[in-house]
Amino acid sequence: MHLMRESWTDARLDDFRTDVDRRFDEVARRFDKVDQRFDKVEGEVRELRSEMKTGFETIHRTMVQGIIALSASFIAGFAAIVTQL
């Protein structure tokens, strides 16, 4: 078992500071990697939004054309009924 020392010497404090600095440098490197991954994800989300926008525009156009075709059919049907009277 490791025995605890009673006092902190300047050398021990310097070692502790160096160790803490090294660990924080490692944390900073890890956060840089996380930032890179977030940048990649943001790019993929932008690409997905673009694809979705294109898809929704296509669906919108198809729905409008369908509504126009149905309306024309109804009008033609009503016109045919009226002419039969």
N, C-alpha and C. Protein backbone atom coordinates (compact mmCIF):
# COMPACT_ATOMS: atom_id res chain seq x y z
N MET A 1 0.84 -1.19 0.00
CA MET A 1 0.00 0.00 0.00
C MET A 1 0.88 1.24 0.00
N HIS A 2 0.45 2.25 -0.70
CA HIS A 2 1.22 3.48 -0.84
C HIS A 2 1.04 4.33 0.42
N LEU A 3 2.15 4.74 0.99
CA LEU A 3 2.09 5.57 2.19
C LEU A 3 1.96 7.04 1.81
N MET A 4 1.15 7.77 2.53
CA MET A 4 0.99 9.19 2.26
C MET A 4 2.14 9.98 2.89
N ARG A 5 2.58 10.95 2.16
CA ARG A 5 3.64 11.81 2.70
C ARG A 5 3.00 12.94 3.48
N GLU A 6 3.72 13.44 4.42
CA GLU A 6 3.20 14.48 5.30
C GLU A 6 3.36 15.89 4.71
N SER A 7 4.35 16.08 3.85
CA SER A 7 4.60 17.44 3.37
C SER A 7 4.78 17.44 1.86
N TRP A 8 4.54 18.62 1.29
CA TRP A 8 4.73 18.81 -0.13
C TRP A 8 5.99 19.65 -0.32
N THR A 9 6.93 19.09 -1.04
CA THR A 9 8.15 19.85 -1.33
C THR A 9 7.95 20.60 -2.65
N ASP A 10 8.85 21.52 -2.91
CA ASP A 10 8.76 22.26 -4.17
C ASP A 10 8.90 21.31 -5.36
N ALA A 11 9.75 20.33 -5.24
CA ALA A 11 9.94 19.37 -6.34
C ALA A 11 8.66 18.58 -6.58
N ARG A 12 8.01 18.17 -5.52
CA ARG A 12 6.76 17.41 -5.67
C ARG A 12 5.67 18.29 -6.28
N LEU A 13 5.61 19.55 -5.87
CA LEU A 13 4.63 20.47 -6.45
C LEU A 13 4.91 20.69 -7.93
N ASP A 14 6.18 20.80 -8.30
CA ASP A 14 6.54 20.96 -9.71
C ASP A 14 6.14 19.71 -10.51
N ASP A 15 6.39 18.54 -9.94
CA ASP A 15 5.98 17.29 -10.61
C ASP A 15 4.46 17.23 -10.77
N PHE A 16 3.76 17.64 -9.73
CA PHE A 16 2.29 17.64 -9.78
C PHE A 16 1.79 18.59 -10.86
N ARG A 17 2.39 19.77 -10.92
CA ARG A 17 1.98 20.76 -11.92
C ARG A 17 2.25 20.24 -13.32
N THR A 18 3.40 19.62 -13.53
CA THR A 18 3.74 19.06 -14.84
C THR A 18 2.74 17.96 -15.22
N ASP A 19 2.39 17.11 -14.27
CA ASP A 19 1.44 16.04 -14.54
C ASP A 19 0.06 16.60 -14.88
N VAL A 20 -0.37 17.62 -14.14
CA VAL A 20 -1.67 18.24 -14.42
C VAL A 20 -1.66 18.90 -15.80
N ASP A 21 -0.59 19.60 -16.12
CA ASP A 21 -0.47 20.23 -17.44
C ASP A 21 -0.53 19.18 -18.55
N ARG A 22 0.16 18.06 -18.36
CA ARG A 22 0.17 16.99 -19.36
C ARG A 22 -1.24 16.43 -19.55
N ARG A 23 -1.95 16.25 -18.46
CA ARG A 23 -3.30 15.71 -18.56
C ARG A 23 -4.25 16.70 -19.26
N PHE A 24 -4.12 17.97 -18.95
CA PHE A 24 -4.97 18.96 -19.62
C PHE A 24 -4.64 19.06 -21.10
N ASP A 25 -3.36 18.90 -21.45
CA ASP A 25 -2.98 18.88 -22.87
C ASP A 25 -3.65 17.70 -23.58
N GLU A 26 -3.70 16.55 -22.91
CA GLU A 26 -4.36 15.37 -23.48
C GLU A 26 -5.86 15.63 -23.65
N VAL A 27 -6.48 16.26 -22.68
CA VAL A 27 -7.91 16.60 -22.79
C VAL A 27 -8.13 17.55 -23.96
N ALA A 28 -7.26 18.53 -24.13
CA ALA A 28 -7.38 19.47 -25.24
C ALA A 28 -7.26 18.74 -26.58
N ARG A 29 -6.35 17.77 -26.68
CA ARG A 29 -6.21 16.99 -27.92
C ARG A 29 -7.49 16.19 -28.19
N ARG A 30 -8.05 15.64 -27.15
CA ARG A 30 -9.29 14.86 -27.32
C ARG A 30 -10.43 15.77 -27.78
N PHE A 31 -10.52 16.96 -27.22
CA PHE A 31 -11.57 17.89 -27.65
C PHE A 31 -11.37 18.32 -29.10
N ASP A 32 -10.12 18.43 -29.54
CA ASP A 32 -9.87 18.74 -30.95
C ASP A 32 -10.45 17.64 -31.84
N LYS A 33 -10.28 16.39 -31.42
CA LYS A 33 -10.84 15.28 -32.19
C LYS A 33 -12.36 15.33 -32.19
N VAL A 34 -12.95 15.68 -31.06
CA VAL A 34 -14.41 15.81 -30.97
C VAL A 34 -14.90 16.93 -31.88
N ASP A 35 -14.19 18.03 -31.90
CA ASP A 35 -14.55 19.14 -32.79
C ASP A 35 -14.52 18.71 -34.25
N GLN A 36 -13.52 17.92 -34.62
CA GLN A 36 -13.42 17.44 -36.00
C GLN A 36 -14.61 16.54 -36.33
N ARG A 37 -15.01 15.70 -35.39
CA ARG A 37 -16.15 14.82 -35.62
C ARG A 37 -17.44 15.63 -35.75
N PHE A 38 -17.60 16.67 -34.92
CA PHE A 38 -18.78 17.53 -35.03
C PHE A 38 -18.82 18.24 -36.38
N ASP A 39 -17.67 18.69 -36.86
CA ASP A 39 -17.61 19.33 -38.18
C ASP A 39 -18.08 18.35 -39.27
N LYS A 40 -17.65 17.09 -39.15
CA LYS A 40 -18.07 16.07 -40.12
C LYS A 40 -19.58 15.87 -40.05
N VAL A 41 -20.12 15.78 -38.84
CA VAL A 41 -21.56 15.57 -38.67
C VAL A 41 -22.33 16.77 -39.22
N GLU A 42 -21.87 17.98 -38.97
CA GLU A 42 -22.54 19.17 -39.49
C GLU A 42 -22.58 19.15 -41.01
N GLY A 43 -21.51 18.71 -41.64
CA GLY A 43 -21.48 18.62 -43.10
C GLY A 43 -22.49 17.60 -43.60
N GLU A 44 -22.58 16.47 -42.90
CA GLU A 44 -23.54 15.44 -43.31
C GLU A 44 -24.98 15.92 -43.11
N VAL A 45 -25.24 16.68 -42.05
CA VAL A 45 -26.58 17.21 -41.81
C VAL A 45 -26.94 18.22 -42.90
N ARG A 46 -26.00 19.07 -43.29
CA ARG A 46 -26.25 20.02 -44.38
C ARG A 46 -26.59 19.28 -45.67
N GLU A 47 -25.85 18.21 -45.95
CA GLU A 47 -26.10 17.42 -47.15
C GLU A 47 -27.49 16.77 -47.09
N LEU A 48 -27.85 16.24 -45.93
CA LEU A 48 -29.17 15.62 -45.76
C LEU A 48 -30.28 16.64 -45.93
N ARG A 49 -30.11 17.83 -45.38
CA ARG A 49 -31.12 18.88 -45.54
C ARG A 49 -31.31 19.24 -47.01
N SER A 50 -30.22 19.29 -47.73
CA SER A 50 -30.30 19.60 -49.16
C SER A 50 -31.08 18.52 -49.90
N GLU A 51 -30.79 17.26 -49.59
CA GLU A 51 -31.51 16.15 -50.23
C GLU A 51 -32.99 16.19 -49.87
N MET A 52 -33.30 16.47 -48.61
CA MET A 52 -34.69 16.52 -48.18
C MET A 52 -35.42 17.67 -48.86
N LYS A 53 -34.77 18.81 -48.98
CA LYS A 53 -35.39 19.96 -49.64
C LYS A 53 -35.74 19.62 -51.08
N THR A 54 -34.82 18.98 -51.77
CA THR A 54 -35.06 18.58 -53.15
C THR A 54 -36.23 17.59 -53.22
N GLY A 55 -36.26 16.64 -52.31
CA GLY A 55 -37.34 15.65 -52.29
C GLY A 55 -38.68 16.29 -52.00
N PHE A 56 -38.73 17.20 -51.04
CA PHE A 56 -39.99 17.86 -50.71
C PHE A 56 -40.48 18.74 -51.85
N GLU A 57 -39.54 19.40 -52.54
CA GLU A 57 -39.94 20.22 -53.69
C GLU A 57 -40.56 19.35 -54.78
N THR A 58 -40.00 18.17 -54.98
CA THR A 58 -40.55 17.24 -55.98
C THR A 58 -41.94 16.78 -55.57
N ILE A 59 -42.10 16.42 -54.30
CA ILE A 59 -43.41 15.99 -53.81
C ILE A 59 -44.43 17.12 -53.94
N HIS A 60 -44.03 18.33 -53.60
CA HIS A 60 -44.91 19.49 -53.69
C HIS A 60 -45.39 19.69 -55.13
N ARG A 61 -44.45 19.63 -56.07
CA ARG A 61 -44.79 19.83 -57.48
C ARG A 61 -45.76 18.73 -57.94
N THR A 62 -45.51 17.49 -57.54
CA THR A 62 -46.39 16.38 -57.93
C THR A 62 -47.79 16.56 -57.35
N MET A 63 -47.87 17.00 -56.10
CA MET A 63 -49.18 17.22 -55.48
C MET A 63 -49.95 18.33 -56.20
N VAL A 64 -49.28 19.41 -56.54
CA VAL A 64 -49.94 20.52 -57.23
C VAL A 64 -50.45 20.04 -58.59
N GLN A 65 -49.63 19.29 -59.31
CA GLN A 65 -50.07 18.78 -60.61
C GLN A 65 -51.26 17.83 -60.44
N GLY A 66 -51.25 17.01 -59.40
CA GLY A 66 -52.37 16.11 -59.14
C GLY A 66 -53.65 16.85 -58.83
N ILE A 67 -53.54 17.90 -58.01
CA ILE A 67 -54.72 18.71 -57.68
C ILE A 67 -55.28 19.38 -58.93
N ILE A 68 -54.41 19.90 -59.78
CA ILE A 68 -54.86 20.53 -61.03
C ILE A 68 -55.57 19.50 -61.91
N ALA A 69 -55.00 18.29 -62.02
CA ALA A 69 -55.61 17.24 -62.85
C ALA A 69 -56.97 16.83 -62.28
N LEU A 70 -57.07 16.67 -60.95
CA LEU A 70 -58.36 16.31 -60.34
C LEU A 70 -59.39 17.41 -60.54
N SER A 71 -58.96 18.64 -60.38
CA SER A 71 -59.88 19.77 -60.56
C SER A 71 -60.40 19.81 -62.00
N ALA A 72 -59.50 19.61 -62.94
CA ALA A 72 -59.91 19.58 -64.35
C ALA A 72 -60.88 18.44 -64.61
N SER A 73 -60.65 17.28 -63.99
CA SER A 73 -61.56 16.14 -64.14
C SER A 73 -62.94 16.46 -63.58
N PHE A 74 -62.97 17.06 -62.40
CA PHE A 74 -64.26 17.43 -61.79
C PHE A 74 -65.02 18.43 -62.67
N ILE A 75 -64.31 19.43 -63.15
CA ILE A 75 -64.94 20.44 -63.99
C ILE A 75 -65.49 19.80 -65.26
N ALA A 76 -64.70 18.91 -65.88
CA ALA A 76 -65.15 18.23 -67.10
C ALA A 76 -66.36 17.35 -66.79
N GLY A 77 -66.33 16.67 -65.64
CA GLY A 77 -67.46 15.82 -65.26
C GLY A 77 -68.72 16.62 -65.02
N PHE A 78 -68.60 17.72 -64.31
CA PHE A 78 -69.76 18.59 -64.07
C PHE A 78 -70.28 19.18 -65.38
N ALA A 79 -69.36 19.54 -66.26
CA ALA A 79 -69.76 20.09 -67.57
C ALA A 79 -70.52 19.04 -68.37
N ALA A 80 -70.07 17.80 -68.28
CA ALA A 80 -70.78 16.72 -69.00
C ALA A 80 -72.17 16.51 -68.43
N ILE A 81 -72.27 16.58 -67.11
CA ILE A 81 -73.60 16.41 -66.47
C ILE A 81 -74.52 17.54 -66.87
N VAL A 82 -74.01 18.78 -66.87
CA VAL A 82 -74.83 19.94 -67.19
C VAL A 82 -75.31 19.88 -68.64
N THR A 83 -74.45 19.41 -69.53
CA THR A 83 -74.87 19.34 -70.93
C THR A 83 -75.91 18.24 -71.17
N GLN A 84 -75.99 17.26 -70.30
CA GLN A 84 -76.97 16.19 -70.42
C GLN A 84 -78.38 16.65 -69.98
N LEU A 85 -78.42 17.73 -69.22
CA LEU A 85 -79.71 18.21 -68.71
C LEU A 85 -80.46 18.92 -69.73
